[in-house]
PDB file of N, CA and C in Angstrom:
ATOM      1  N   MET A   1     131.457 106.533  56.013  1.00  0.00           N
ATOM      2  CA  MET A   1     132.704 107.249  56.211  1.00  0.00           C
ATOM      3  C   MET A   1     132.915 107.451  57.712  1.00  0.00           C
ATOM      4  N   ALA A   2     134.162 107.371  58.099  1.00  0.00           N
ATOM      5  CA  ALA A   2     134.515 107.512  59.512  1.00  0.00           C
ATOM      6  C   ALA A   2     134.393 108.977  59.941  1.00  0.00           C
ATOM      7  N   ASN A   3     134.064 109.169  61.202  1.00  0.00           N
ATOM      8  CA  ASN A   3     133.933 110.509  61.755  1.00  0.00           C
ATOM      9  C   ASN A   3     135.108 110.889  62.647  1.00  0.00           C
ATOM     10  N   ILE A   4     135.736 109.901  63.260  1.00  0.00           N
ATOM     11  CA  ILE A   4     136.833 110.153  64.181  1.00  0.00           C
ATOM     12  C   ILE A   4     138.117 110.351  63.380  1.00  0.00           C
ATOM     13  N   LYS A   5     138.940 111.273  63.868  1.00  0.00           N
ATOM     14  CA  LYS A   5     140.149 111.651  63.144  1.00  0.00           C
ATOM     15  C   LYS A   5     141.084 110.460  62.917  1.00  0.00           C
ATOM     16  N   SER A   6     141.261 109.638  63.927  1.00  0.00           N
ATOM     17  CA  SER A   6     142.160 108.492  63.782  1.00  0.00           C
ATOM     18  C   SER A   6     141.588 107.456  62.805  1.00  0.00           C
ATOM     19  N   ALA A   7     140.268 107.311  62.776  1.00  0.00           N
ATOM     20  CA  ALA A   7     139.626 106.379  61.849  1.00  0.00           C
ATOM     21  C   ALA A   7     139.746 106.878  60.412  1.00  0.00           C
ATOM     22  N   ILE A   8     139.674 108.180  60.228  1.00  0.00           N
ATOM     23  CA  ILE A   8     139.839 108.767  58.894  1.00  0.00           C
ATOM     24  C   ILE A   8     141.258 108.509  58.390  1.00  0.00           C
ATOM     25  N   LYS A   9     142.232 108.725  59.270  1.00  0.00           N
ATOM     26  CA  LYS A   9     143.623 108.486  58.899  1.00  0.00           C
ATOM     27  C   LYS A   9     143.837 107.010  58.583  1.00  0.00           C
ATOM     28  N   ARG A  10     143.243 106.132  59.376  1.00  0.00           N
ATOM     29  CA  ARG A  10     143.402 104.691  59.168  1.00  0.00           C
ATOM     30  C   ARG A  10     142.807 104.272  57.829  1.00  0.00           C
ATOM     31  N   ALA A  11     141.669 104.847  57.479  1.00  0.00           N
ATOM     32  CA  ALA A  11     141.037 104.540  56.196  1.00  0.00           C
ATOM     33  C   ALA A  11     141.940 104.981  55.051  1.00  0.00           C
ATOM     34  N   ARG A  12     142.573 106.136  55.208  1.00  0.00           N
ATOM     35  CA  ARG A  12     143.491 106.644  54.192  1.00  0.00           C
ATOM     36  C   ARG A  12     144.714 105.720  54.063  1.00  0.00           C
ATOM     37  N   GLN A  13     145.245 105.276  55.192  1.00  0.00           N
ATOM     38  CA  GLN A  13     146.395 104.367  55.175  1.00  0.00           C
ATOM     39  C   GLN A  13     146.025 103.022  54.556  1.00  0.00           C
ATOM     40  N   ASN A  14     144.828 102.527  54.881  1.00  0.00           N
ATOM     41  CA  ASN A  14     144.396 101.245  54.342  1.00  0.00           C
ATOM     42  C   ASN A  14     144.261 101.284  52.823  1.00  0.00           C
ATOM     43  N   LYS A  15     143.781 102.410  52.300  1.00  0.00           N
ATOM     44  CA  LYS A  15     143.651 102.549  50.850  1.00  0.00           C
ATOM     45  C   LYS A  15     145.031 102.488  50.182  1.00  0.00           C
ATOM     46  N   LYS A  16     145.988 103.197  50.772  1.00  0.00           N
ATOM     47  CA  LYS A  16     147.350 103.219  50.232  1.00  0.00           C
ATOM     48  C   LYS A  16     147.992 101.831  50.301  1.00  0.00           C
ATOM     49  N   LEU A  17     147.811 101.144  51.430  1.00  0.00           N
ATOM     50  CA  LEU A  17     148.355  99.791  51.588  1.00  0.00           C
ATOM     51  C   LEU A  17     147.712  98.805  50.620  1.00  0.00           C
ATOM     52  N   ARG A  18     146.396  98.940  50.404  1.00  0.00           N
ATOM     53  CA  ARG A  18     145.688  98.043  49.501  1.00  0.00           C
ATOM     54  C   ARG A  18     146.226  98.172  48.078  1.00  0.00           C
ATOM     55  N   LEU A  19     146.488  99.400  47.652  1.00  0.00           N
ATOM     56  CA  LEU A  19     147.040  99.619  46.317  1.00  0.00           C
ATOM     57  C   LEU A  19     148.450  99.036  46.195  1.00  0.00           C
ATOM     58  N   HIS A  20     149.244  99.190  47.240  1.00  0.00           N
ATOM     59  CA  HIS A  20     150.604  98.642  47.228  1.00  0.00           C
ATOM     60  C   HIS A  20     150.564  97.125  47.194  1.00  0.00           C
ATOM     61  N   ASN A  21     149.694  96.529  48.009  1.00  0.00           N
ATOM     62  CA  ASN A  21     149.579  95.068  48.030  1.00  0.00           C
ATOM     63  C   ASN A  21     149.089  94.536  46.690  1.00  0.00           C
ATOM     64  N   ALA A  22     148.159  95.246  46.055  1.00  0.00           N
ATOM     65  CA  ALA A  22     147.656  94.824  44.753  1.00  0.00           C
ATOM     66  C   ALA A  22     148.765  94.843  43.714  1.00  0.00           C
ATOM     67  N   SER A  23     149.622  95.836  43.786  1.00  0.00           N
ATOM     68  CA  SER A  23     150.750  95.930  42.859  1.00  0.00           C
ATOM     69  C   SER A  23     151.724  94.767  43.067  1.00  0.00           C
ATOM     70  N   GLN A  24     152.028  94.474  44.327  1.00  0.00           N
ATOM     71  CA  GLN A  24     152.935  93.365  44.638  1.00  0.00           C
ATOM     72  C   GLN A  24     152.340  92.035  44.186  1.00  0.00           C
ATOM     73  N   ARG A  25     151.042  91.835  44.428  1.00  0.00           N
ATOM     74  CA  ARG A  25     150.359  90.600  44.038  1.00  0.00           C
ATOM     75  C   ARG A  25     150.349  90.448  42.519  1.00  0.00           C
ATOM     76  N   SER A  26     150.169  91.549  41.805  1.00  0.00           N
ATOM     77  CA  SER A  26     150.164  91.526  40.347  1.00  0.00           C
ATOM     78  C   SER A  26     151.537  91.129  39.806  1.00  0.00           C
ATOM     79  N   THR A  27     152.584  91.683  40.380  1.00  0.00           N
ATOM     80  CA  THR A  27     153.950  91.331  39.966  1.00  0.00           C
ATOM     81  C   THR A  27     154.212  89.853  40.216  1.00  0.00           C
ATOM     82  N   PHE A  28     153.782  89.370  41.355  1.00  0.00           N
ATOM     83  CA  PHE A  28     153.927  87.963  41.719  1.00  0.00           C
ATOM     84  C   PHE A  28     153.228  87.065  40.697  1.00  0.00           C
ATOM     85  N   ARG A  29     151.996  87.389  40.381  1.00  0.00           N
ATOM     86  CA  ARG A  29     151.227  86.577  39.437  1.00  0.00           C
ATOM     87  C   ARG A  29     151.813  86.634  38.035  1.00  0.00           C
ATOM     88  N   THR A  30     152.323  87.792  37.635  1.00  0.00           N
ATOM     89  CA  THR A  30     152.923  87.939  36.309  1.00  0.00           C
ATOM     90  C   THR A  30     154.133  87.031  36.164  1.00  0.00           C
ATOM     91  N   HIS A  31     154.964  86.957  37.184  1.00  0.00           N
ATOM     92  CA  HIS A  31     156.145  86.103  37.115  1.00  0.00           C
ATOM     93  C   HIS A  31     155.770  84.629  37.080  1.00  0.00           C
ATOM     94  N   ILE A  32     154.735  84.252  37.797  1.00  0.00           N
ATOM     95  CA  ILE A  32     154.267  82.866  37.765  1.00  0.00           C
ATOM     96  C   ILE A  32     153.782  82.525  36.358  1.00  0.00           C
ATOM     97  N   LYS A  33     153.053  83.458  35.726  1.00  0.00           N
ATOM     98  CA  LYS A  33     152.551  83.229  34.373  1.00  0.00           C
ATOM     99  C   LYS A  33     153.691  83.110  33.368  1.00  0.00           C
ATOM    100  N   LYS A  34     154.756  83.887  33.544  1.00  0.00           N
ATOM    101  CA  LYS A  34     155.906  83.794  32.651  1.00  0.00           C
ATOM    102  C   LYS A  34     156.552  82.413  32.737  1.00  0.00           C
ATOM    103  N   ILE A  35     156.677  81.902  33.951  1.00  0.00           N
ATOM    104  CA  ILE A  35     157.261  80.570  34.137  1.00  0.00           C
ATOM    105  C   ILE A  35     156.369  79.514  33.493  1.00  0.00           C
ATOM    106  N   MET A  36     155.069  79.614  33.726  1.00  0.00           N
ATOM    107  CA  MET A  36     154.152  78.616  33.194  1.00  0.00           C
ATOM    108  C   MET A  36     154.119  78.640  31.667  1.00  0.00           C
ATOM    109  N   SER A  37     154.213  79.818  31.076  1.00  0.00           N
ATOM    110  CA  SER A  37     154.232  79.876  29.611  1.00  0.00           C
ATOM    111  C   SER A  37     155.523  79.287  29.059  1.00  0.00           C
ATOM    112  N   ALA A  38     156.633  79.480  29.760  1.00  0.00           N
ATOM    113  CA  ALA A  38     157.899  78.872  29.330  1.00  0.00           C
ATOM    114  C   ALA A  38     157.825  77.355  29.435  1.00  0.00           C
ATOM    115  N   ILE A  39     157.168  76.857  30.475  1.00  0.00           N
ATOM    116  CA  ILE A  39     157.007  75.407  30.646  1.00  0.00           C
ATOM    117  C   ILE A  39     156.114  74.848  29.535  1.00  0.00           C
ATOM    118  N   GLU A  40     155.024  75.555  29.206  1.00  0.00           N
ATOM    119  CA  GLU A  40     154.130  75.105  28.147  1.00  0.00           C
ATOM    120  C   GLU A  40     154.825  75.088  26.788  1.00  0.00           C
ATOM    121  N   ASN A  41     155.746  76.042  26.580  1.00  0.00           N
ATOM    122  CA  ASN A  41     156.505  76.091  25.327  1.00  0.00           C
ATOM    123  C   ASN A  41     157.709  75.160  25.342  1.00  0.00           C
ATOM    124  N   LYS A  42     157.873  74.438  26.450  1.00  0.00           N
ATOM    125  CA  LYS A  42     158.967  73.479  26.640  1.00  0.00           C
ATOM    126  C   LYS A  42     160.339  74.134  26.493  1.00  0.00           C
ATOM    127  N   ASP A  43     160.437  75.341  27.015  1.00  0.00           N
ATOM    128  CA  ASP A  43     161.695  76.084  27.005  1.00  0.00           C
ATOM    129  C   ASP A  43     162.325  75.977  28.396  1.00  0.00           C
ATOM    130  N   TYR A  44     163.190  74.997  28.561  1.00  0.00           N
ATOM    131  CA  TYR A  44     163.783  74.702  29.866  1.00  0.00           C
ATOM    132  C   TYR A  44     164.634  75.859  30.375  1.00  0.00           C
ATOM    133  N   GLN A  45     165.460  76.421  29.510  1.00  0.00           N
ATOM    134  CA  GLN A  45     166.383  77.481  29.928  1.00  0.00           C
ATOM    135  C   GLN A  45     165.624  78.718  30.403  1.00  0.00           C
ATOM    136  N   LYS A  46     164.607  79.123  29.651  1.00  0.00           N
ATOM    137  CA  LYS A  46     163.835  80.305  30.039  1.00  0.00           C
ATOM    138  C   LYS A  46     163.068  80.045  31.333  1.00  0.00           C
ATOM    139  N   ALA A  47     162.539  78.842  31.481  1.00  0.00           N
ATOM    140  CA  ALA A  47     161.785  78.504  32.687  1.00  0.00           C
ATOM    141  C   ALA A  47     162.681  78.552  33.919  1.00  0.00           C
ATOM    142  N   THR A  48     163.897  78.017  33.824  1.00  0.00           N
ATOM    143  CA  THR A  48     164.804  78.042  34.974  1.00  0.00           C
ATOM    144  C   THR A  48     165.251  79.464  35.292  1.00  0.00           C
ATOM    145  N   ASP A  49     165.507  80.261  34.258  1.00  0.00           N
ATOM    146  CA  ASP A  49     165.906  81.651  34.500  1.00  0.00           C
ATOM    147  C   ASP A  49     164.794  82.441  35.182  1.00  0.00           C
ATOM    148  N   GLU A  50     163.575  82.277  34.702  1.00  0.00           N
ATOM    149  CA  GLU A  50     162.438  82.972  35.307  1.00  0.00           C
ATOM    150  C   GLU A  50     162.191  82.490  36.739  1.00  0.00           C
ATOM    151  N   PHE A  51     162.405  81.201  36.968  1.00  0.00           N
ATOM    152  CA  PHE A  51     162.193  80.651  38.302  1.00  0.00           C
ATOM    153  C   PHE A  51     163.193  81.228  39.296  1.00  0.00           C
ATOM    154  N   LYS A  52     164.438  81.380  38.868  1.00  0.00           N
ATOM    155  CA  LYS A  52     165.453  81.969  39.747  1.00  0.00           C
ATOM    156  C   LYS A  52     165.080  83.407  40.125  1.00  0.00           C
ATOM    157  N   ILE A  53     164.576  84.158  39.161  1.00  0.00           N
ATOM    158  CA  ILE A  53     164.180  85.545  39.422  1.00  0.00           C
ATOM    159  C   ILE A  53     162.952  85.592  40.323  1.00  0.00           C
ATOM    160  N   SER A  54     161.986  84.722  40.044  1.00  0.00           N
ATOM    161  CA  SER A  54     160.712  84.794  40.758  1.00  0.00           C
ATOM    162  C   SER A  54     160.792  84.274  42.189  1.00  0.00           C
ATOM    163  N   GLN A  55     161.785  83.483  42.523  1.00  0.00           N
ATOM    164  CA  GLN A  55     161.900  82.987  43.898  1.00  0.00           C
ATOM    165  C   GLN A  55     162.044  84.139  44.888  1.00  0.00           C
ATOM    166  N   SER A  56     162.865  85.121  44.555  1.00  0.00           N
ATOM    167  CA  SER A  56     163.029  86.253  45.463  1.00  0.00           C
ATOM    168  C   SER A  56     161.760  87.093  45.529  1.00  0.00           C
ATOM    169  N   ILE A  57     161.043  87.193  44.415  1.00  0.00           N
ATOM    170  CA  ILE A  57     159.799  87.952  44.402  1.00  0.00           C
ATOM    171  C   ILE A  57     158.751  87.262  45.264  1.00  0.00           C
ATOM    172  N   ILE A  58     158.687  85.932  45.166  1.00  0.00           N
ATOM    173  CA  ILE A  58     157.737  85.165  45.976  1.00  0.00           C
ATOM    174  C   ILE A  58     158.055  85.343  47.461  1.00  0.00           C
ATOM    175  N   ASP A  59     159.332  85.265  47.802  1.00  0.00           N
ATOM    176  CA  ASP A  59     159.725  85.433  49.203  1.00  0.00           C
ATOM    177  C   ASP A  59     159.415  86.839  49.715  1.00  0.00           C
ATOM    178  N   LYS A  60     159.564  87.836  48.856  1.00  0.00           N
ATOM    179  CA  LYS A  60     159.266  89.209  49.243  1.00  0.00           C
ATOM    180  C   LYS A  60     157.773  89.377  49.507  1.00  0.00           C
ATOM    181  N   VAL A  61     156.946  88.755  48.674  1.00  0.00           N
ATOM    182  CA  VAL A  61     155.501  88.829  48.853  1.00  0.00           C
ATOM    183  C   VAL A  61     155.100  88.170  50.176  1.00  0.00           C
ATOM    184  N   VAL A  62     155.772  87.071  50.506  1.00  0.00           N
ATOM    185  CA  VAL A  62     155.498  86.393  51.784  1.00  0.00           C
ATOM    186  C   VAL A  62     155.901  87.280  52.952  1.00  0.00           C
ATOM    187  N   SER A  63     157.057  87.923  52.855  1.00  0.00           N
ATOM    188  CA  SER A  63     157.528  88.743  53.962  1.00  0.00           C
ATOM    189  C   SER A  63     156.627  89.956  54.209  1.00  0.00           C
ATOM    190  N   HIS A  64     155.936  90.415  53.164  1.00  0.00           N
ATOM    191  CA  HIS A  64     155.003  91.525  53.325  1.00  0.00           C
ATOM    192  C   HIS A  64     153.625  91.053  53.768  1.00  0.00           C
ATOM    193  N   GLY A  65     153.440  89.740  53.862  1.00  0.00           N
ATOM    194  CA  GLY A  65     152.181  89.205  54.362  1.00  0.00           C
ATOM    195  C   GLY A  65     151.077  89.165  53.335  1.00  0.00           C
ATOM    196  N   ILE A  66     151.420  89.220  52.057  1.00  0.00           N
ATOM    197  CA  ILE A  66     150.402  89.230  51.018  1.00  0.00           C
ATOM    198  C   ILE A  66     149.885  87.820  50.760  1.00  0.00           C
ATOM    199  N   ILE A  67     150.785  86.833  50.787  1.00  0.00           N
ATOM    200  CA  ILE A  67     150.364  85.438  50.716  1.00  0.00           C
ATOM    201  C   ILE A  67     150.996  84.684  51.881  1.00  0.00           C
ATOM    202  N   HIS A  68     150.449  83.528  52.185  1.00  0.00           N
ATOM    203  CA  HIS A  68     150.940  82.717  53.296  1.00  0.00           C
ATOM    204  C   HIS A  68     152.200  81.976  52.868  1.00  0.00           C
ATOM    205  N   ILE A  69     153.076  81.709  53.803  1.00  0.00           N
ATOM    206  CA  ILE A  69     154.349  81.048  53.514  1.00  0.00           C
ATOM    207  C   ILE A  69     154.134  79.633  52.973  1.00  0.00           C
ATOM    208  N   ASN A  70     153.094  78.957  53.447  1.00  0.00           N
ATOM    209  CA  ASN A  70     152.835  77.609  52.944  1.00  0.00           C
ATOM    210  C   ASN A  70     152.391  77.639  51.490  1.00  0.00           C
ATOM    211  N   LYS A  71     151.624  78.645  51.111  1.00  0.00           N
ATOM    212  CA  LYS A  71     151.204  78.780  49.716  1.00  0.00           C
ATOM    213  C   LYS A  71     152.414  79.040  48.831  1.00  0.00           C
ATOM    214  N   ALA A  72     153.323  79.876  49.288  1.00  0.00           N
ATOM    215  CA  ALA A  72     154.533  80.169  48.520  1.00  0.00           C
ATOM    216  C   ALA A  72     155.374  78.906  48.348  1.00  0.00           C
ATOM    217  N   SER A  73     155.519  78.142  49.408  1.00  0.00           N
ATOM    218  CA  SER A  73     156.286  76.896  49.336  1.00  0.00           C
ATOM    219  C   SER A  73     155.643  75.922  48.372  1.00  0.00           C
ATOM    220  N   ARG A  74     154.328  75.838  48.412  1.00  0.00           N
ATOM    221  CA  ARG A  74     153.600  74.937  47.522  1.00  0.00           C
ATOM    222  C   ARG A  74     153.787  75.343  46.062  1.00  0.00           C
ATOM    223  N   ILE A  75     153.701  76.643  45.793  1.00  0.00           N
ATOM    224  CA  ILE A  75     153.864  77.139  44.424  1.00  0.00           C
ATOM    225  C   ILE A  75     155.270  76.862  43.923  1.00  0.00           C
ATOM    226  N   LYS A  76     156.275  77.176  44.748  1.00  0.00           N
ATOM    227  CA  LYS A  76     157.659  76.945  44.334  1.00  0.00           C
ATOM    228  C   LYS A  76     157.925  75.468  44.106  1.00  0.00           C
ATOM    229  N   SER A  77     157.383  74.613  44.948  1.00  0.00           N
ATOM    230  CA  SER A  77     157.589  73.177  44.806  1.00  0.00           C
ATOM    231  C   SER A  77     156.952  72.655  43.527  1.00  0.00           C
ATOM    232  N   ARG A  78     155.739  73.073  43.236  1.00  0.00           N
ATOM    233  CA  ARG A  78     155.051  72.604  42.039  1.00  0.00           C
ATOM    234  C   ARG A  78     155.745  73.076  40.764  1.00  0.00           C
ATOM    235  N   ILE A  79     156.196  74.324  40.766  1.00  0.00           N
ATOM    236  CA  ILE A  79     156.894  74.846  39.597  1.00  0.00           C
ATOM    237  C   ILE A  79     158.212  74.107  39.404  1.00  0.00           C
ATOM    238  N   ASN A  80     158.922  73.871  40.495  1.00  0.00           N
ATOM    239  CA  ASN A  80     160.198  73.172  40.418  1.00  0.00           C
ATOM    240  C   ASN A  80     160.020  71.756  39.877  1.00  0.00           C
ATOM    241  N   SER A  81     158.978  71.069  40.314  1.00  0.00           N
ATOM    242  CA  SER A  81     158.753  69.709  39.819  1.00  0.00           C
ATOM    243  C   SER A  81     158.388  69.718  38.336  1.00  0.00           C
ATOM    244  N   LYS A  82     157.643  70.730  37.881  1.00  0.00           N
ATOM    245  CA  LYS A  82     157.305  70.828  36.461  1.00  0.00           C
ATOM    246  C   LYS A  82     158.548  71.108  35.623  1.00  0.00           C
ATOM    247  N   ILE A  83     159.443  71.932  36.158  1.00  0.00           N
ATOM    248  CA  ILE A  83     160.682  72.228  35.431  1.00  0.00           C
ATOM    249  C   ILE A  83     161.553  70.974  35.351  1.00  0.00           C
ATOM    250  N   LYS A  84     161.601  70.204  36.430  1.00  0.00           N
ATOM    251  CA  LYS A  84     162.372  68.950  36.419  1.00  0.00           C
ATOM    252  C   LYS A  84     161.790  67.961  35.420  1.00  0.00           C
ATOM    253  N   GLN A  85     160.472  67.851  35.348  1.00  0.00           N
ATOM    254  CA  GLN A  85     159.837  66.981  34.369  1.00  0.00           C
ATOM    255  C   GLN A  85     160.158  67.419  32.954  1.00  0.00           C
ATOM    256  N   LEU A  86     160.204  68.721  32.760  1.00  0.00           N
ATOM    257  CA  LEU A  86     160.522  69.276  31.438  1.00  0.00           C
ATOM    258  C   LEU A  86     161.948  68.921  31.042  1.00  0.00           C
ATOM    259  N   HIS A  87     162.843  68.927  32.019  1.00  0.00           N
ATOM    260  CA  HIS A  87     164.254  68.631  31.741  1.00  0.00           C
ATOM    261  C   HIS A  87     164.467  67.145  31.418  1.00  0.00           C
ATOM    262  N   THR A  88     163.709  66.268  32.056  1.00  0.00           N
ATOM    263  CA  THR A  88     163.897  64.843  31.827  1.00  0.00           C
ATOM    264  C   THR A  88     163.306  64.380  30.507  1.00  0.00           C
ATOM    265  N   THR A  89     162.299  65.102  29.994  1.00  0.00           N
ATOM    266  CA  THR A  89     161.690  64.683  28.726  1.00  0.00           C
ATOM    267  C   THR A  89     162.365  65.267  27.535  1.00  0.00           C
TER     268      THR A  89
END
């Protein structure tokens, strides 16, 4: 445990930030799982609707620094290609 007043405050802030980041990361992962389950069920309409909603959530997570922008781009690209494959079949 920290002894200096500023270190104690920083530890308290870090705990609060960690909980907030965990909540944001959980929401992000939940939306990805919803899209993937719609793709597995071959439900094109639900997958596209979920993808439209989750794009803003993914961008918000990136802006808060929870995931890297390249990872977000990679995830969005892969999901989009899976949805396109679903539409063509």
